[in-house]
């Protein structure tokens, strides 16, 4: 079975500075974390009035299809229960 993403929910974990989302391989849930640095353009700091959570969630939503493609690819090559995606993964 291939990894599916039927649940569009995602959340921001401020302590780890990651966006969390889940995929499913049949009945098995697979957890993914995308580092905040991977979602923001290089050398661009958010304005003081911009919430990092809002910025990361918006960036995740804008890149969701490609992030899920990367997640599927990484999962297919090495099946585990959780993964942290970095800037290197999302290039």
PDB file of N, CA and C in Angstrom:
ATOM      1  N   UNK A   1       0.845  -1.179   0.000  1.00  0.00           N
ATOM      2  CA  UNK A   1       0.000   0.000   0.000  1.00  0.00           C
ATOM      3  C   UNK A   1       0.889   1.240   0.000  1.00  0.00           C
ATOM      4  N   UNK A   2       0.437   2.305  -0.613  1.00  0.00           N
ATOM      5  CA  UNK A   2       1.221   3.532  -0.649  1.00  0.00           C
ATOM      6  C   UNK A   2       0.766   4.505   0.421  1.00  0.00           C
ATOM      7  N   UNK A   3       1.612   5.427   0.732  1.00  0.00           N
ATOM      8  CA  UNK A   3       1.325   6.433   1.749  1.00  0.00           C
ATOM      9  C   UNK A   3       0.275   7.406   1.226  1.00  0.00           C
ATOM     10  N   UNK A   4      -0.757   7.630   2.015  1.00  0.00           N
ATOM     11  CA  UNK A   4      -1.847   8.536   1.659  1.00  0.00           C
ATOM     12  C   UNK A   4      -1.948   9.643   2.707  1.00  0.00           C
ATOM     13  N   UNK A   5      -2.544  10.755   2.302  1.00  0.00           N
ATOM     14  CA  UNK A   5      -2.726  11.896   3.208  1.00  0.00           C
ATOM     15  C   UNK A   5      -4.186  12.339   3.206  1.00  0.00           C
ATOM     16  N   UNK A   6      -5.090  11.510   3.745  1.00  0.00           N
ATOM     17  CA  UNK A   6      -6.511  11.854   3.711  1.00  0.00           C
ATOM     18  C   UNK A   6      -6.892  12.964   4.698  1.00  0.00           C
ATOM     19  N   UNK A   7      -6.098  13.156   5.722  1.00  0.00           N
ATOM     20  CA  UNK A   7      -6.368  14.152   6.750  1.00  0.00           C
ATOM     21  C   UNK A   7      -5.524  15.395   6.459  1.00  0.00           C
ATOM     22  N   UNK A   8      -6.174  16.511   6.165  1.00  0.00           N
ATOM     23  CA  UNK A   8      -5.446  17.725   5.792  1.00  0.00           C
ATOM     24  C   UNK A   8      -4.969  18.533   7.007  1.00  0.00           C
ATOM     25  N   UNK A   9      -5.205  18.031   8.209  1.00  0.00           N
ATOM     26  CA  UNK A   9      -4.806  18.805   9.379  1.00  0.00           C
ATOM     27  C   UNK A   9      -3.290  18.857   9.507  1.00  0.00           C
ATOM     28  N   UNK A  10      -2.840  19.938  10.078  1.00  0.00           N
ATOM     29  CA  UNK A  10      -1.427  20.153  10.375  1.00  0.00           C
ATOM     30  C   UNK A  10      -1.377  21.102  11.551  1.00  0.00           C
ATOM     31  N   UNK A  11      -0.289  21.099  12.271  1.00  0.00           N
ATOM     32  CA  UNK A  11      -0.158  21.994  13.421  1.00  0.00           C
ATOM     33  C   UNK A  11       1.297  22.415  13.559  1.00  0.00           C
ATOM     34  N   UNK A  12       1.489  23.477  14.313  1.00  0.00           N
ATOM     35  CA  UNK A  12       2.833  23.983  14.541  1.00  0.00           C
ATOM     36  C   UNK A  12       3.245  23.650  15.963  1.00  0.00           C
ATOM     37  N   UNK A  13       4.425  23.065  16.104  1.00  0.00           N
ATOM     38  CA  UNK A  13       5.003  22.752  17.409  1.00  0.00           C
ATOM     39  C   UNK A  13       6.066  23.807  17.681  1.00  0.00           C
ATOM     40  N   UNK A  14       5.723  24.763  18.526  1.00  0.00           N
ATOM     41  CA  UNK A  14       6.619  25.898  18.783  1.00  0.00           C
ATOM     42  C   UNK A  14       7.896  25.476  19.489  1.00  0.00           C
ATOM     43  N   UNK A  15       7.827  24.483  20.356  1.00  0.00           N
ATOM     44  CA  UNK A  15       9.030  24.071  21.091  1.00  0.00           C
ATOM     45  C   UNK A  15      10.062  23.431  20.161  1.00  0.00           C
ATOM     46  N   UNK A  16       9.593  22.711  19.133  1.00  0.00           N
ATOM     47  CA  UNK A  16      10.512  22.078  18.168  1.00  0.00           C
ATOM     48  C   UNK A  16      10.669  22.902  16.899  1.00  0.00           C
ATOM     49  N   UNK A  17       9.837  23.929  16.728  1.00  0.00           N
ATOM     50  CA  UNK A  17       9.817  24.786  15.525  1.00  0.00           C
ATOM     51  C   UNK A  17       9.644  23.929  14.265  1.00  0.00           C
ATOM     52  N   UNK A  18       8.567  23.126  14.284  1.00  0.00           N
ATOM     53  CA  UNK A  18       8.235  22.258  13.162  1.00  0.00           C
ATOM     54  C   UNK A  18       6.735  22.299  12.899  1.00  0.00           C
ATOM     55  N   UNK A  19       6.380  21.999  11.662  1.00  0.00           N
ATOM     56  CA  UNK A  19       4.980  21.761  11.324  1.00  0.00           C
ATOM     57  C   UNK A  19       4.787  20.250  11.331  1.00  0.00           C
ATOM     58  N   UNK A  20       3.764  19.792  12.022  1.00  0.00           N
ATOM     59  CA  UNK A  20       3.457  18.369  12.118  1.00  0.00           C
ATOM     60  C   UNK A  20       2.326  18.034  11.156  1.00  0.00           C
ATOM     61  N   UNK A  21       2.420  16.886  10.508  1.00  0.00           N
ATOM     62  CA  UNK A  21       1.312  16.351   9.738  1.00  0.00           C
ATOM     63  C   UNK A  21       1.470  14.839   9.686  1.00  0.00           C
ATOM     64  N   UNK A  22       0.420  14.149   9.284  1.00  0.00           N
ATOM     65  CA  UNK A  22       0.442  12.687   9.289  1.00  0.00           C
ATOM     66  C   UNK A  22       0.039  12.114   7.947  1.00  0.00           C
ATOM     67  N   UNK A  23       0.600  10.956   7.672  1.00  0.00           N
ATOM     68  CA  UNK A  23       0.202  10.167   6.518  1.00  0.00           C
ATOM     69  C   UNK A  23      -0.219   8.793   7.006  1.00  0.00           C
ATOM     70  N   UNK A  24      -0.833   8.026   6.113  1.00  0.00           N
ATOM     71  CA  UNK A  24      -1.324   6.709   6.499  1.00  0.00           C
ATOM     72  C   UNK A  24      -0.940   5.677   5.459  1.00  0.00           C
ATOM     73  N   UNK A  25      -0.392   4.576   5.948  1.00  0.00           N
ATOM     74  CA  UNK A  25      -0.090   3.415   5.118  1.00  0.00           C
ATOM     75  C   UNK A  25      -1.033   2.331   5.615  1.00  0.00           C
ATOM     76  N   UNK A  26      -2.183   2.212   4.960  1.00  0.00           N
ATOM     77  CA  UNK A  26      -3.221   1.328   5.466  1.00  0.00           C
ATOM     78  C   UNK A  26      -3.686   1.839   6.807  1.00  0.00           C
ATOM     79  N   UNK A  27      -3.620   0.993   7.826  1.00  0.00           N
ATOM     80  CA  UNK A  27      -4.065   1.406   9.156  1.00  0.00           C
ATOM     81  C   UNK A  27      -2.950   2.024   9.995  1.00  0.00           C
ATOM     82  N   UNK A  28      -1.734   2.102   9.462  1.00  0.00           N
ATOM     83  CA  UNK A  28      -0.599   2.641  10.211  1.00  0.00           C
ATOM     84  C   UNK A  28      -0.439   4.141   9.961  1.00  0.00           C
ATOM     85  N   UNK A  29      -0.366   4.891  11.050  1.00  0.00           N
ATOM     86  CA  UNK A  29      -0.155   6.335  10.962  1.00  0.00           C
ATOM     87  C   UNK A  29       1.343   6.619  10.967  1.00  0.00           C
ATOM     88  N   UNK A  30       1.769   7.500  10.074  1.00  0.00           N
ATOM     89  CA  UNK A  30       3.170   7.888   9.968  1.00  0.00           C
ATOM     90  C   UNK A  30       3.245   9.389  10.245  1.00  0.00           C
ATOM     91  N   UNK A  31       4.088   9.782  11.188  1.00  0.00           N
ATOM     92  CA  UNK A  31       4.194  11.189  11.594  1.00  0.00           C
ATOM     93  C   UNK A  31       5.338  11.869  10.842  1.00  0.00           C
ATOM     94  N   UNK A  32       5.060  13.077  10.392  1.00  0.00           N
ATOM     95  CA  UNK A  32       6.063  13.883   9.707  1.00  0.00           C
ATOM     96  C   UNK A  32       6.178  15.228  10.394  1.00  0.00           C
ATOM     97  N   UNK A  33       7.402  15.743  10.418  1.00  0.00           N
ATOM     98  CA  UNK A  33       7.697  17.050  10.982  1.00  0.00           C
ATOM     99  C   UNK A  33       8.527  17.801   9.944  1.00  0.00           C
ATOM    100  N   UNK A  34       8.126  19.021   9.624  1.00  0.00           N
ATOM    101  CA  UNK A  34       8.879  19.843   8.678  1.00  0.00           C
ATOM    102  C   UNK A  34       9.482  20.995   9.467  1.00  0.00           C
ATOM    103  N   UNK A  35      10.809  21.083   9.438  1.00  0.00           N
ATOM    104  CA  UNK A  35      11.482  22.162  10.166  1.00  0.00           C
ATOM    105  C   UNK A  35      11.066  23.528   9.630  1.00  0.00           C
ATOM    106  N   UNK A  36      10.908  24.493  10.530  1.00  0.00           N
ATOM    107  CA  UNK A  36      10.511  25.849  10.145  1.00  0.00           C
ATOM    108  C   UNK A  36      11.484  26.436   9.130  1.00  0.00           C
ATOM    109  N   UNK A  37      12.782  26.179   9.310  1.00  0.00           N
ATOM    110  CA  UNK A  37      13.786  26.706   8.381  1.00  0.00           C
ATOM    111  C   UNK A  37      13.588  26.179   6.967  1.00  0.00           C
ATOM    112  N   UNK A  38      13.034  24.997   6.840  1.00  0.00           N
ATOM    113  CA  UNK A  38      12.802  24.418   5.512  1.00  0.00           C
ATOM    114  C   UNK A  38      11.633  25.083   4.805  1.00  0.00           C
ATOM    115  N   UNK A  39      10.780  25.754   5.567  1.00  0.00           N
ATOM    116  CA  UNK A  39       9.601  26.384   4.990  1.00  0.00           C
ATOM    117  C   UNK A  39       9.782  27.854   4.666  1.00  0.00           C
ATOM    118  N   UNK A  40      10.829  28.470   5.200  1.00  0.00           N
ATOM    119  CA  UNK A  40      11.029  29.893   4.960  1.00  0.00           C
ATOM    120  C   UNK A  40      12.168  30.110   3.976  1.00  0.00           C
ATOM    121  N   UNK A  41      12.005  31.107   3.118  1.00  0.00           N
ATOM    122  CA  UNK A  41      13.086  31.404   2.167  1.00  0.00           C
ATOM    123  C   UNK A  41      14.364  31.778   2.909  1.00  0.00           C
ATOM    124  N   UNK A  42      15.483  31.420   2.331  1.00  0.00           N
ATOM    125  CA  UNK A  42      16.784  31.740   2.927  1.00  0.00           C
ATOM    126  C   UNK A  42      16.959  33.254   3.069  1.00  0.00           C
ATOM    127  N   UNK A  43      17.593  33.629   4.168  1.00  0.00           N
ATOM    128  CA  UNK A  43      17.948  35.023   4.438  1.00  0.00           C
ATOM    129  C   UNK A  43      16.734  35.944   4.537  1.00  0.00           C
ATOM    130  N   UNK A  44      15.562  35.397   4.778  1.00  0.00           N
ATOM    131  CA  UNK A  44      14.378  36.231   4.943  1.00  0.00           C
ATOM    132  C   UNK A  44      13.869  36.033   6.360  1.00  0.00           C
ATOM    133  N   UNK A  45      13.918  37.094   7.124  1.00  0.00           N
ATOM    134  CA  UNK A  45      13.413  37.036   8.484  1.00  0.00           C
ATOM    135  C   UNK A  45      11.984  37.570   8.492  1.00  0.00           C
ATOM    136  N   UNK A  46      11.100  36.923   9.232  1.00  0.00           N
ATOM    137  CA  UNK A  46       9.734  37.433   9.280  1.00  0.00           C
ATOM    138  C   UNK A  46       9.691  38.795   9.944  1.00  0.00           C
ATOM    139  N   UNK A  47       8.753  39.628   9.526  1.00  0.00           N
ATOM    140  CA  UNK A  47       8.581  40.935  10.145  1.00  0.00           C
ATOM    141  C   UNK A  47       8.213  40.730  11.609  1.00  0.00           C
ATOM    142  N   UNK A  48       8.492  41.727  12.411  1.00  0.00           N
ATOM    143  CA  UNK A  48       8.258  41.610  13.845  1.00  0.00           C
ATOM    144  C   UNK A  48       6.802  41.293  14.165  1.00  0.00           C
ATOM    145  N   UNK A  49       5.883  41.792  13.338  1.00  0.00           N
ATOM    146  CA  UNK A  49       4.468  41.580  13.620  1.00  0.00           C
ATOM    147  C   UNK A  49       3.919  40.289  13.002  1.00  0.00           C
ATOM    148  N   UNK A  50       4.785  39.502  12.355  1.00  0.00           N
ATOM    149  CA  UNK A  50       4.350  38.247  11.748  1.00  0.00           C
ATOM    150  C   UNK A  50       4.627  37.109  12.726  1.00  0.00           C
ATOM    151  N   UNK A  51       3.608  36.329  12.986  1.00  0.00           N
ATOM    152  CA  UNK A  51       3.723  35.181  13.879  1.00  0.00           C
ATOM    153  C   UNK A  51       4.396  34.040  13.123  1.00  0.00           C
ATOM    154  N   UNK A  52       5.444  33.458  13.688  1.00  0.00           N
ATOM    155  CA  UNK A  52       6.183  32.376  13.030  1.00  0.00           C
ATOM    156  C   UNK A  52       5.256  31.196  12.758  1.00  0.00           C
ATOM    157  N   UNK A  53       4.327  30.929  13.654  1.00  0.00           N
ATOM    158  CA  UNK A  53       3.378  29.833  13.438  1.00  0.00           C
ATOM    159  C   UNK A  53       2.533  30.088  12.192  1.00  0.00           C
ATOM    160  N   UNK A  54       1.973  31.288  12.086  1.00  0.00           N
ATOM    161  CA  UNK A  54       1.148  31.622  10.920  1.00  0.00           C
ATOM    162  C   UNK A  54       1.958  31.536   9.633  1.00  0.00           C
ATOM    163  N   UNK A  55       3.198  32.031   9.677  1.00  0.00           N
ATOM    164  CA  UNK A  55       4.059  32.014   8.497  1.00  0.00           C
ATOM    165  C   UNK A  55       4.360  30.574   8.068  1.00  0.00           C
ATOM    166  N   UNK A  56       4.701  29.726   9.017  1.00  0.00           N
ATOM    167  CA  UNK A  56       5.048  28.335   8.697  1.00  0.00           C
ATOM    168  C   UNK A  56       3.843  27.547   8.193  1.00  0.00           C
ATOM    169  N   UNK A  57       2.695  27.745   8.817  1.00  0.00           N
ATOM    170  CA  UNK A  57       1.501  27.028   8.365  1.00  0.00           C
ATOM    171  C   UNK A  57       1.085  27.474   6.971  1.00  0.00           C
ATOM    172  N   UNK A  58       1.177  28.770   6.693  1.00  0.00           N
ATOM    173  CA  UNK A  58       0.842  29.273   5.359  1.00  0.00           C
ATOM    174  C   UNK A  58       1.819  28.728   4.316  1.00  0.00           C
ATOM    175  N   UNK A  59       3.106  28.708   4.666  1.00  0.00           N
ATOM    176  CA  UNK A  59       4.114  28.172   3.741  1.00  0.00           C
ATOM    177  C   UNK A  59       3.891  26.681   3.511  1.00  0.00           C
ATOM    178  N   UNK A  60       3.557  25.943   4.564  1.00  0.00           N
ATOM    179  CA  UNK A  60       3.266  24.518   4.420  1.00  0.00           C
ATOM    180  C   UNK A  60       2.072  24.321   3.491  1.00  0.00           C
ATOM    181  N   UNK A  61       1.009  25.076   3.719  1.00  0.00           N
ATOM    182  CA  UNK A  61      -0.190  24.946   2.884  1.00  0.00           C
ATOM    183  C   UNK A  61       0.115  25.230   1.418  1.00  0.00           C
ATOM    184  N   UNK A  62       0.949  26.228   1.164  1.00  0.00           N
ATOM    185  CA  UNK A  62       1.298  26.592  -0.213  1.00  0.00           C
ATOM    186  C   UNK A  62       2.142  25.517  -0.896  1.00  0.00           C
ATOM    187  N   UNK A  63       2.920  24.784  -0.101  1.00  0.00           N
ATOM    188  CA  UNK A  63       3.822  23.764  -0.641  1.00  0.00           C
ATOM    189  C   UNK A  63       3.345  22.334  -0.382  1.00  0.00           C
ATOM    190  N   UNK A  64       2.140  22.189   0.124  1.00  0.00           N
ATOM    191  CA  UNK A  64       1.643  20.879   0.559  1.00  0.00           C
ATOM    192  C   UNK A  64       1.843  19.763  -0.468  1.00  0.00           C
ATOM    193  N   UNK A  65       1.446  19.932  -1.735  1.00  0.00           N
ATOM    194  CA  UNK A  65       1.613  18.819  -2.684  1.00  0.00           C
ATOM    195  C   UNK A  65       3.069  18.358  -2.823  1.00  0.00           C
ATOM    196  N   UNK A  66       3.997  19.299  -2.917  1.00  0.00           N
ATOM    197  CA  UNK A  66       5.396  18.895  -3.083  1.00  0.00           C
ATOM    198  C   UNK A  66       5.960  18.316  -1.788  1.00  0.00           C
ATOM    199  N   UNK A  67       5.538  18.820  -0.632  1.00  0.00           N
ATOM    200  CA  UNK A  67       5.989  18.269   0.647  1.00  0.00           C
ATOM    201  C   UNK A  67       5.485  16.833   0.795  1.00  0.00           C
ATOM    202  N   UNK A  68       4.248  16.594   0.413  1.00  0.00           N
ATOM    203  CA  UNK A  68       3.703  15.240   0.499  1.00  0.00           C
ATOM    204  C   UNK A  68       4.401  14.300  -0.482  1.00  0.00           C
ATOM    205  N   UNK A  69       4.773  14.789  -1.649  1.00  0.00           N
ATOM    206  CA  UNK A  69       5.532  13.972  -2.606  1.00  0.00           C
ATOM    207  C   UNK A  69       6.881  13.564  -2.008  1.00  0.00           C
ATOM    208  N   UNK A  70       7.552  14.515  -1.368  1.00  0.00           N
ATOM    209  CA  UNK A  70       8.829  14.221  -0.716  1.00  0.00           C
ATOM    210  C   UNK A  70       8.619  13.207   0.406  1.00  0.00           C
ATOM    211  N   UNK A  71       7.569  13.393   1.186  1.00  0.00           N
ATOM    212  CA  UNK A  71       7.279  12.467   2.280  1.00  0.00           C
ATOM    213  C   UNK A  71       7.044  11.056   1.744  1.00  0.00           C
ATOM    214  N   UNK A  72       6.282  10.938   0.661  1.00  0.00           N
ATOM    215  CA  UNK A  72       6.041   9.614   0.058  1.00  0.00           C
ATOM    216  C   UNK A  72       7.351   8.970  -0.388  1.00  0.00           C
ATOM    217  N   UNK A  73       8.197   9.749  -1.019  1.00  0.00           N
ATOM    218  CA  UNK A  73       9.465   9.244  -1.531  1.00  0.00           C
ATOM    219  C   UNK A  73      10.374   8.762  -0.398  1.00  0.00           C
ATOM    220  N   UNK A  74      10.493   9.558   0.634  1.00  0.00           N
ATOM    221  CA  UNK A  74      11.340   9.199   1.770  1.00  0.00           C
ATOM    222  C   UNK A  74      10.779   7.966   2.476  1.00  0.00           C
ATOM    223  N   UNK A  75       9.481   7.925   2.635  1.00  0.00           N
ATOM    224  CA  UNK A  75       8.843   6.782   3.292  1.00  0.00           C
ATOM    225  C   UNK A  75       9.030   5.506   2.472  1.00  0.00           C
ATOM    226  N   UNK A  76       8.916   5.600   1.162  1.00  0.00           N
ATOM    227  CA  UNK A  76       9.056   4.415   0.302  1.00  0.00           C
ATOM    228  C   UNK A  76      10.455   3.825   0.384  1.00  0.00           C
ATOM    229  N   UNK A  77      11.466   4.682   0.602  1.00  0.00           N
ATOM    230  CA  UNK A  77      12.837   4.182   0.636  1.00  0.00           C
ATOM    231  C   UNK A  77      13.247   3.639   2.006  1.00  0.00           C
ATOM    232  N   UNK A  78      12.515   4.030   3.054  1.00  0.00           N
ATOM    233  CA  UNK A  78      12.886   3.612   4.404  1.00  0.00           C
ATOM    234  C   UNK A  78      11.676   3.781   5.321  1.00  0.00           C
ATOM    235  N   UNK A  79      10.890   2.749   5.486  1.00  0.00           N
ATOM    236  CA  UNK A  79       9.644   2.838   6.257  1.00  0.00           C
ATOM    237  C   UNK A  79       9.907   2.884   7.756  1.00  0.00           C
ATOM    238  N   UNK A  80       9.494   4.000   8.342  1.00  0.00           N
ATOM    239  CA  UNK A  80       9.596   4.204   9.790  1.00  0.00           C
ATOM    240  C   UNK A  80       8.285   4.822  10.281  1.00  0.00           C
ATOM    241  N   UNK A  81       8.196   5.052  11.570  1.00  0.00           N
ATOM    242  CA  UNK A  81       6.984   5.625  12.160  1.00  0.00           C
ATOM    243  C   UNK A  81       6.981   7.148  12.142  1.00  0.00           C
ATOM    244  N   UNK A  82       8.172   7.774  12.030  1.00  0.00           N
ATOM    245  CA  UNK A  82       8.214   9.238  11.996  1.00  0.00           C
ATOM    246  C   UNK A  82       9.450   9.728  11.240  1.00  0.00           C
ATOM    247  N   UNK A  83       9.329  10.936  10.717  1.00  0.00           N
ATOM    248  CA  UNK A  83      10.389  11.548   9.916  1.00  0.00           C
ATOM    249  C   UNK A  83      10.410  13.043  10.189  1.00  0.00           C
ATOM    250  N   UNK A  84      11.593  13.629  10.133  1.00  0.00           N
ATOM    251  CA  UNK A  84      11.736  15.078  10.173  1.00  0.00           C
ATOM    252  C   UNK A  84      12.305  15.516   8.835  1.00  0.00           C
ATOM    253  N   UNK A  85      11.554  16.349   8.125  1.00  0.00           N
ATOM    254  CA  UNK A  85      11.979  16.855   6.822  1.00  0.00           C
ATOM    255  C   UNK A  85      12.731  18.170   7.013  1.00  0.00           C
ATOM    256  N   UNK A  86      13.871  18.279   6.361  1.00  0.00           N
ATOM    257  CA  UNK A  86      14.719  19.457   6.474  1.00  0.00           C
ATOM    258  C   UNK A  86      14.775  20.200   5.147  1.00  0.00           C
ATOM    259  N   UNK A  87      15.497  21.303   5.129  1.00  0.00           N
ATOM    260  CA  UNK A  87      15.683  22.059   3.886  1.00  0.00           C
ATOM    261  C   UNK A  87      16.282  21.187   2.792  1.00  0.00           C
ATOM    262  N   UNK A  88      17.215  20.335   3.140  1.00  0.00           N
ATOM    263  CA  UNK A  88      17.847  19.465   2.155  1.00  0.00           C
ATOM    264  C   UNK A  88      16.835  18.528   1.504  1.00  0.00           C
ATOM    265  N   UNK A  89      15.854  18.082   2.262  1.00  0.00           N
ATOM    266  CA  UNK A  89      14.833  17.188   1.715  1.00  0.00           C
ATOM    267  C   UNK A  89      13.903  17.900   0.738  1.00  0.00           C
ATOM    268  N   UNK A  90      13.642  19.181   0.987  1.00  0.00           N
ATOM    269  CA  UNK A  90      12.647  19.915   0.200  1.00  0.00           C
ATOM    270  C   UNK A  90      13.224  20.656  -0.996  1.00  0.00           C
ATOM    271  N   UNK A  91      14.482  20.474  -1.299  1.00  0.00           N
ATOM    272  CA  UNK A  91      15.091  21.148  -2.462  1.00  0.00           C
ATOM    273  C   UNK A  91      14.577  20.575  -3.743  1.00  0.00           C
TER     274      UNK A  91
END
